[in-house]
Protein backbone atom coordinates (compact mmCIF):
# COMPACT_ATOMS: atom_id res chain seq x y z
CA MET A 1 -0.07 -0.08 -0.05
CA PRO A 2 1.35 3.44 -0.88
CA GLU A 3 2.19 5.79 1.62
CA PHE A 4 -0.34 8.89 1.84
CA ARG A 5 0.84 11.94 3.21
CA ASN A 6 -2.30 13.67 5.10
CA ILE A 7 -2.42 17.40 5.83
CA PHE A 8 -0.18 18.24 8.68
CA SER A 9 2.03 15.28 8.34
CA GLY A 10 5.58 15.12 6.90
CA ASN A 11 7.09 18.05 9.21
CA PRO A 12 10.48 18.57 7.88
CA LEU A 13 12.15 19.86 10.90
CA ASP A 14 15.08 18.08 12.69
CA ARG A 15 13.60 17.81 15.89
CA GLU A 16 17.27 17.59 17.36
CA ALA A 17 16.56 14.72 19.66
CA ALA A 18 20.14 14.26 20.90
CA ARG A 19 21.59 18.06 20.78
CA ARG A 20 18.48 19.48 22.42
CA ARG A 21 19.53 17.58 25.72
CA ASP A 22 22.66 20.08 26.17
CA GLU A 23 20.70 23.17 27.67
CA SER A 24 23.68 25.02 26.87
CA TRP A 25 23.33 24.25 23.09
CA VAL A 26 19.99 25.39 23.22
CA THR A 27 20.75 28.52 24.97
CA GLU A 28 23.24 29.25 22.01
CA ARG A 29 20.42 28.73 19.56
CA LEU A 30 18.25 31.15 21.41
CA ASP A 31 20.83 33.79 21.24
CA ASP A 32 21.66 32.91 17.45
CA PRO A 33 20.64 35.95 15.38
CA ASP A 34 19.76 33.84 12.62
CA ALA A 35 17.13 31.92 14.73
CA LEU A 36 13.72 32.07 13.67
CA PHE A 37 10.80 32.66 15.77
CA LEU A 38 7.00 31.57 15.08
CA PRO A 39 4.57 33.78 17.36
CA LEU A 40 1.13 32.48 17.99
CA ARG A 41 -1.55 34.75 19.04
CA ASP A 42 -4.12 32.64 20.91
CA LEU A 43 -3.06 29.96 19.11
CA THR A 44 -3.66 31.45 15.44
CA PHE A 45 -0.67 31.73 13.23
CA PRO A 46 1.05 34.68 11.37
CA MET A 47 0.52 33.68 7.46
CA HIS A 48 1.41 35.37 4.37
CA GLN A 49 0.68 35.31 0.64
CA GLU A 50 3.06 33.38 -1.45
CA GLY A 51 2.24 32.55 -4.96
CA GLU A 52 -1.34 30.84 -4.89
CA GLY A 53 -0.84 29.68 -1.42
CA MET A 54 0.14 30.76 2.13
CA ARG A 55 3.13 30.69 4.40
CA LEU A 56 4.13 30.65 7.85
CA ALA A 57 5.59 34.31 8.85
CA TRP A 58 8.85 33.84 11.13
CA SER A 59 10.36 36.71 12.52
CA PRO A 60 13.74 37.34 14.65
CA LEU A 61 13.32 37.63 18.48
CA PRO A 62 12.67 40.97 19.55
CA SER A 63 15.34 42.24 21.81
CA ASP A 64 12.68 43.11 24.49
CA ALA A 65 10.76 39.81 24.47
CA ASP A 66 9.80 38.61 27.82
CA VAL A 67 11.32 35.08 27.61
CA GLU A 68 10.87 34.28 31.26
CA ARG A 69 7.10 34.62 31.13
CA HIS A 70 6.95 33.10 27.62
CA PRO A 71 9.95 30.75 27.31
CA PRO A 72 10.56 29.95 23.49
CA LEU A 73 9.79 26.19 22.53
CA LEU A 74 12.71 24.66 20.24
CA LEU A 75 10.65 23.07 17.28
CA GLY A 76 14.03 21.91 15.43
CA THR A 77 16.24 22.86 12.79
CA SER A 78 16.28 23.56 9.11
CA ASP A 79 19.28 23.81 7.34
CA GLY A 80 21.01 24.43 10.63
CA THR A 81 18.45 27.18 11.51
CA ALA A 82 16.84 26.78 14.69
CA ARG A 83 13.52 27.68 14.66
CA PHE A 84 11.14 28.23 17.57
CA ALA A 85 7.67 28.74 18.53
CA ILE A 86 6.64 31.50 21.06
CA ASP A 87 3.58 33.08 22.48
CA ALA A 88 3.10 36.60 20.71
CA ALA A 89 2.09 38.04 24.26
CA ALA A 90 6.12 37.82 24.65
CA ALA A 91 6.31 41.01 22.76
CA PRO A 92 3.21 42.24 21.41
CA ASP A 93 3.28 44.07 18.11
CA ARG A 94 7.23 43.63 18.19
CA PHE A 95 7.81 40.84 15.96
CA ALA A 96 9.09 41.77 12.49
CA LEU A 97 6.53 40.15 10.35
CA PRO A 98 5.75 40.74 6.54
CA GLU A 99 3.68 43.58 5.68
CA ASP A 100 0.98 41.22 4.73
CA ALA A 101 1.01 38.88 7.54
CA THR A 102 -2.23 37.98 9.23
CA PHE A 103 -2.80 35.84 12.26
CA MET A 104 -4.98 33.07 11.08
CA ASP A 105 -6.92 29.97 12.40
CA LEU A 106 -5.10 26.87 11.24
CA ARG A 107 -8.28 25.22 10.70
CA ALA A 108 -9.30 27.55 8.18
CA ALA A 109 -5.95 28.06 6.79
CA ALA A 110 -4.86 24.39 6.55
CA PRO A 111 -6.26 23.85 2.96
CA VAL A 112 -4.05 26.59 1.19
CA LEU A 113 -1.00 26.36 3.36
CA ASP A 114 2.12 24.93 2.01
CA ALA A 115 2.36 21.38 3.30
CA ASP A 116 5.49 21.44 4.91
CA ASP A 117 4.54 24.67 6.63
CA ALA A 118 0.98 22.91 7.73
CA GLY A 119 3.18 20.18 9.47
CA ILE A 120 5.33 22.89 11.00
CA ALA A 121 2.19 24.57 12.51
CA ALA A 122 0.62 20.98 13.73
CA GLN A 123 3.79 20.92 15.94
CA ALA A 124 3.89 24.08 17.03
CA ARG A 125 0.14 24.43 17.71
CA SER A 126 -0.17 21.10 20.26
CA PHE A 127 3.27 22.01 21.56
CA LEU A 128 2.43 25.79 22.82
CA ASP A 129 -1.24 24.52 23.91
CA TRP A 130 0.31 21.56 26.04
CA HIS A 131 2.85 23.79 27.92
CA GLN A 132 0.14 26.47 28.50
CA ARG A 133 -1.99 23.99 30.18
CA HIS A 134 0.64 22.13 32.07
CA GLY A 135 2.19 25.07 34.15
CA PHE A 136 1.74 22.74 37.57
CA CYS A 137 2.69 19.59 38.59
CA ALA A 138 -0.06 16.89 38.57
CA VAL A 139 1.86 15.07 41.38
CA CYS A 140 2.06 17.92 44.23
CA GLY A 141 0.38 21.19 42.34
CA GLU A 142 3.91 23.00 42.26
CA PRO A 143 5.07 24.94 39.39
CA THR A 144 6.81 23.22 36.47
CA ARG A 145 9.42 24.55 34.37
CA HIS A 146 10.34 23.77 30.56
CA VAL A 147 13.63 21.93 29.74
CA GLN A 148 15.54 20.94 26.51
CA GLY A 149 13.58 23.52 24.69
CA GLY A 150 10.36 22.36 25.88
CA ILE A 151 10.54 19.01 24.91
CA TYR A 152 9.12 18.13 28.53
CA ARG A 153 8.52 19.88 31.69
CA THR A 154 9.87 18.90 35.14
CA CYS A 155 8.35 19.89 38.49
CA THR A 156 10.56 22.79 40.50
CA VAL A 157 9.68 20.97 43.96
CA CYS A 158 9.57 17.07 43.31
CA PRO A 159 11.36 14.55 41.05
CA ALA A 160 8.07 14.50 38.54
CA GLU A 161 8.94 14.76 34.74
CA HIS A 162 5.98 15.47 32.60
CA PHE A 163 5.80 14.77 28.87
CA PRO A 164 3.61 16.23 26.15
CA ARG A 165 1.08 13.69 25.26
CA THR A 166 -0.74 12.88 21.81
CA ASP A 167 -4.37 10.96 22.34
CA PRO A 168 -4.39 8.14 19.50
CA VAL A 169 -7.62 8.09 17.74
CA VAL A 170 -8.90 5.32 15.45
CA ILE A 171 -11.29 6.20 12.43
CA THR A 172 -12.74 3.47 10.25
CA VAL A 173 -14.39 2.95 6.89
CA VAL A 174 -16.36 -0.31 7.13
CA ILE A 175 -16.79 -2.01 3.80
CA ASP A 176 -19.94 -4.59 3.30
CA THR A 177 -19.44 -8.15 2.27
CA GLU A 178 -20.27 -7.33 -1.61
CA ARG A 179 -17.52 -4.46 -1.39
CA GLU A 180 -20.08 -2.12 -2.86
CA ARG A 181 -21.35 -0.22 0.37
CA CYS A 182 -19.62 1.67 3.21
CA LEU A 183 -20.47 2.58 6.57
CA LEU A 184 -20.76 6.40 7.73
CA GLY A 185 -22.28 7.83 10.45
CA ARG A 186 -23.13 11.39 11.65
CA GLN A 187 -23.58 13.46 15.22
CA ALA A 188 -26.38 15.41 15.93
CA SER A 189 -24.00 18.73 15.99
CA TRP A 190 -23.04 18.37 12.59
CA PRO A 191 -24.46 20.40 9.78
CA PRO A 192 -27.52 18.51 7.90
CA GLY A 193 -26.69 15.89 5.56
CA MET A 194 -23.14 15.62 6.86
CA PHE A 195 -21.83 11.97 7.39
CA SER A 196 -18.19 10.45 8.03
CA ALA A 197 -16.20 7.73 9.02
CA LEU A 198 -16.76 6.13 12.58
CA ALA A 199 -14.21 7.40 14.98
CA GLY A 200 -13.04 7.16 18.47
CA PHE A 201 -10.42 7.34 21.27
CA ILE A 202 -8.32 4.52 21.97
CA ASP A 203 -8.92 3.03 25.58
CA HIS A 204 -6.30 2.04 27.97
CA GLY A 205 -4.97 -1.44 27.26
CA GLU A 206 -6.48 -1.59 23.58
CA SER A 207 -4.76 -2.27 20.55
CA ILE A 208 -5.51 -0.50 17.09
CA GLU A 209 -7.69 -3.43 16.23
CA ASP A 210 -9.42 -3.62 19.55
CA ALA A 211 -10.34 -0.02 19.20
CA VAL A 212 -11.76 -0.33 16.16
CA ARG A 213 -13.95 -3.49 16.56
CA ARG A 214 -15.26 -1.82 19.96
CA GLU A 215 -16.10 1.76 18.38
CA VAL A 216 -17.90 0.23 15.33
CA ALA A 217 -19.86 -1.92 17.58
CA GLU A 218 -20.87 0.83 19.92
CA GLU A 219 -21.55 3.33 17.17
CA SER A 220 -23.43 0.93 14.62
CA GLY A 221 -24.21 -2.34 16.07
CA ILE A 222 -21.87 -3.80 13.15
CA GLU A 223 -19.29 -6.20 13.84
CA ALA A 224 -15.90 -5.32 12.28
CA VAL A 225 -13.48 -7.83 10.81
CA ASN A 226 -10.21 -8.01 8.88
CA VAL A 227 -9.30 -4.58 10.52
CA ARG A 228 -6.11 -3.02 8.42
CA TYR A 229 -4.09 -0.05 8.67
CA HIS A 230 -4.24 2.66 5.78
CA SER A 231 -2.47 6.23 6.98
CA SER A 232 -2.35 8.46 9.90
CA GLN A 233 -2.76 12.44 10.33
CA PRO A 234 -1.56 14.59 13.33
CA TRP A 235 -4.71 16.47 14.18
CA PRO A 236 -3.57 19.62 16.48
CA PHE A 237 -6.73 20.25 17.88
CA PRO A 238 -5.30 20.22 20.53
CA SER A 239 -3.09 16.84 20.22
CA SER A 240 -4.43 13.70 18.62
CA LEU A 241 -3.31 11.18 16.36
CA MET A 242 -5.79 10.23 13.92
CA ILE A 243 -5.03 6.33 12.76
CA GLY A 244 -6.81 5.66 9.58
CA CYS A 245 -8.18 2.24 9.17
CA LEU A 246 -10.24 0.21 7.08
CA ALA A 247 -12.36 -2.74 8.13
CA ASP A 248 -14.89 -5.41 6.73
CA ALA A 249 -18.22 -6.05 7.96
CA GLY A 250 -18.81 -9.30 9.75
CA SER A 251 -22.59 -8.43 10.00
CA SER A 252 -25.03 -6.08 7.92
CA GLU A 253 -27.98 -4.86 10.43
CA ILE A 254 -27.47 -1.36 12.07
CA ASN A 255 -28.08 -0.56 15.37
CA TYR A 256 -26.59 2.60 16.29
CA ASP A 257 -26.45 4.13 19.82
CA GLU A 258 -28.75 6.95 19.73
CA TRP A 259 -26.48 8.71 22.80
CA GLU A 260 -23.36 8.75 20.55
CA MET A 261 -24.82 8.90 17.05
CA ASP A 262 -27.46 10.74 14.99
CA ASP A 263 -27.54 8.76 12.23
CA VAL A 264 -25.63 5.72 10.68
CA GLN A 265 -26.32 4.23 7.20
CA TRP A 266 -24.92 2.36 4.49
CA PHE A 267 -24.06 4.21 1.39
CA THR A 268 -23.26 2.87 -1.82
CA ARG A 269 -20.20 3.69 -4.27
CA ASP A 270 -22.60 5.58 -6.47
CA GLU A 271 -23.73 7.97 -3.67
CA ILE A 272 -20.09 8.41 -2.33
CA ASP A 273 -18.75 9.42 -6.01
CA HIS A 274 -21.86 11.67 -6.43
CA SER A 275 -21.09 13.56 -3.03
CA LEU A 276 -17.68 13.68 -3.64
CA GLY A 277 -18.00 15.47 -7.31
CA GLN A 278 -20.10 18.10 -5.75
CA PRO A 279 -18.38 21.56 -5.33
CA ALA A 280 -16.63 22.03 -1.99
CA ALA A 281 -18.88 25.39 -1.46
CA GLN A 282 -21.91 23.49 -1.24
CA LEU A 283 -21.10 20.99 1.02
CA GLY A 284 -22.47 21.12 4.71
CA GLU A 285 -24.91 24.06 3.39
CA PRO A 286 -28.72 23.86 3.39
CA GLY A 287 -29.99 22.53 -0.07
CA LEU A 288 -27.61 19.93 -0.65
CA PRO A 289 -27.77 18.95 -4.57
CA GLU A 290 -30.11 15.77 -5.14
CA GLY A 291 -28.95 12.68 -3.38
CA ALA A 292 -25.63 14.21 -2.49
CA LEU A 293 -24.15 13.98 1.35
CA SER A 294 -22.00 16.36 3.05
CA LEU A 295 -18.60 14.57 3.55
CA PRO A 296 -15.40 15.87 5.23
CA GLY A 297 -13.20 17.94 3.35
CA PRO A 298 -9.39 17.07 1.80
CA MET A 299 -8.21 18.48 5.02
CA ALA A 300 -9.45 15.57 7.08
CA ILE A 301 -8.00 11.92 7.10
CA ALA A 302 -11.76 10.57 6.87
CA HIS A 303 -11.82 12.23 3.30
CA THR A 304 -8.62 10.20 2.28
CA LEU A 305 -10.07 6.89 3.69
CA ILE A 306 -13.81 7.49 2.15
CA THR A 307 -11.95 8.38 -1.25
CA ALA A 308 -9.62 5.84 -1.23
CA TRP A 309 -12.28 3.25 -1.05
CA ALA A 310 -14.83 4.98 -3.49
CA ARG A 311 -12.19 5.20 -5.96
CA GLY A 312 -11.40 1.42 -5.59
CA ASP A 313 -7.44 2.18 -4.33
CA VAL A 314 -7.97 -0.04 -1.20
């Protein structure tokens, strides 16, 4: 099976796992006049137009930046140049950004953001969000501090160490025995007519396959068999890893959990093809074309999975 590069994957930075253990090396990178900083404002990103797409807008560190209250986080290096993420509150309106730079929400910008930059942005958003949420020790309640450029935090009183977490999620397209229908569901909070692959967090003590079987059974009443991996996607809202899978149906009668799901249905390949062929602007809006579903857009791994099945690539 070919490797798929979903949006937010393929971060090109060298995260410098070995060299960042040396705190003096990290300090030298901070003091390097060539180092570049990505200031996030309320977890939105400075971006600017480049060609037909968007790029992240980087800046040198302002001389008056308050790095004590807002420590820069080392994302990695690119061609030997250190790249950091930092809270823009460290130096409001002092970062030297391009004139056309504007702060944008990553969900909105991702479809037009350079692919490499999207991967860097995913890392930066999850990284900064985690540090903002973990200023105190979960063991003793005392303040924590970031070390090794922010790769983890240590308690200032007890020996506890705290590492950024990633929450694994399985997301699955289930295929019927005739291989002409796929199983999709919807939640009540979604726009009218929107359906997607079934998904849920992996529980403690579960394998990926176990989680797929449980989630599919809980959400649809369908038995999932022959579970197989397709591709994965970092999802920085705030910090999940979407593990895309396909599975065959060991049963056909739907009996979905009304507490979790608003609806679950089988859809034919023709129905999915018809829906994928609709203009993106119409999807999720009132007045969908006759017979069309609103399916997840290309930013989501669900789109990758559904499209791969519909086009016969799996």
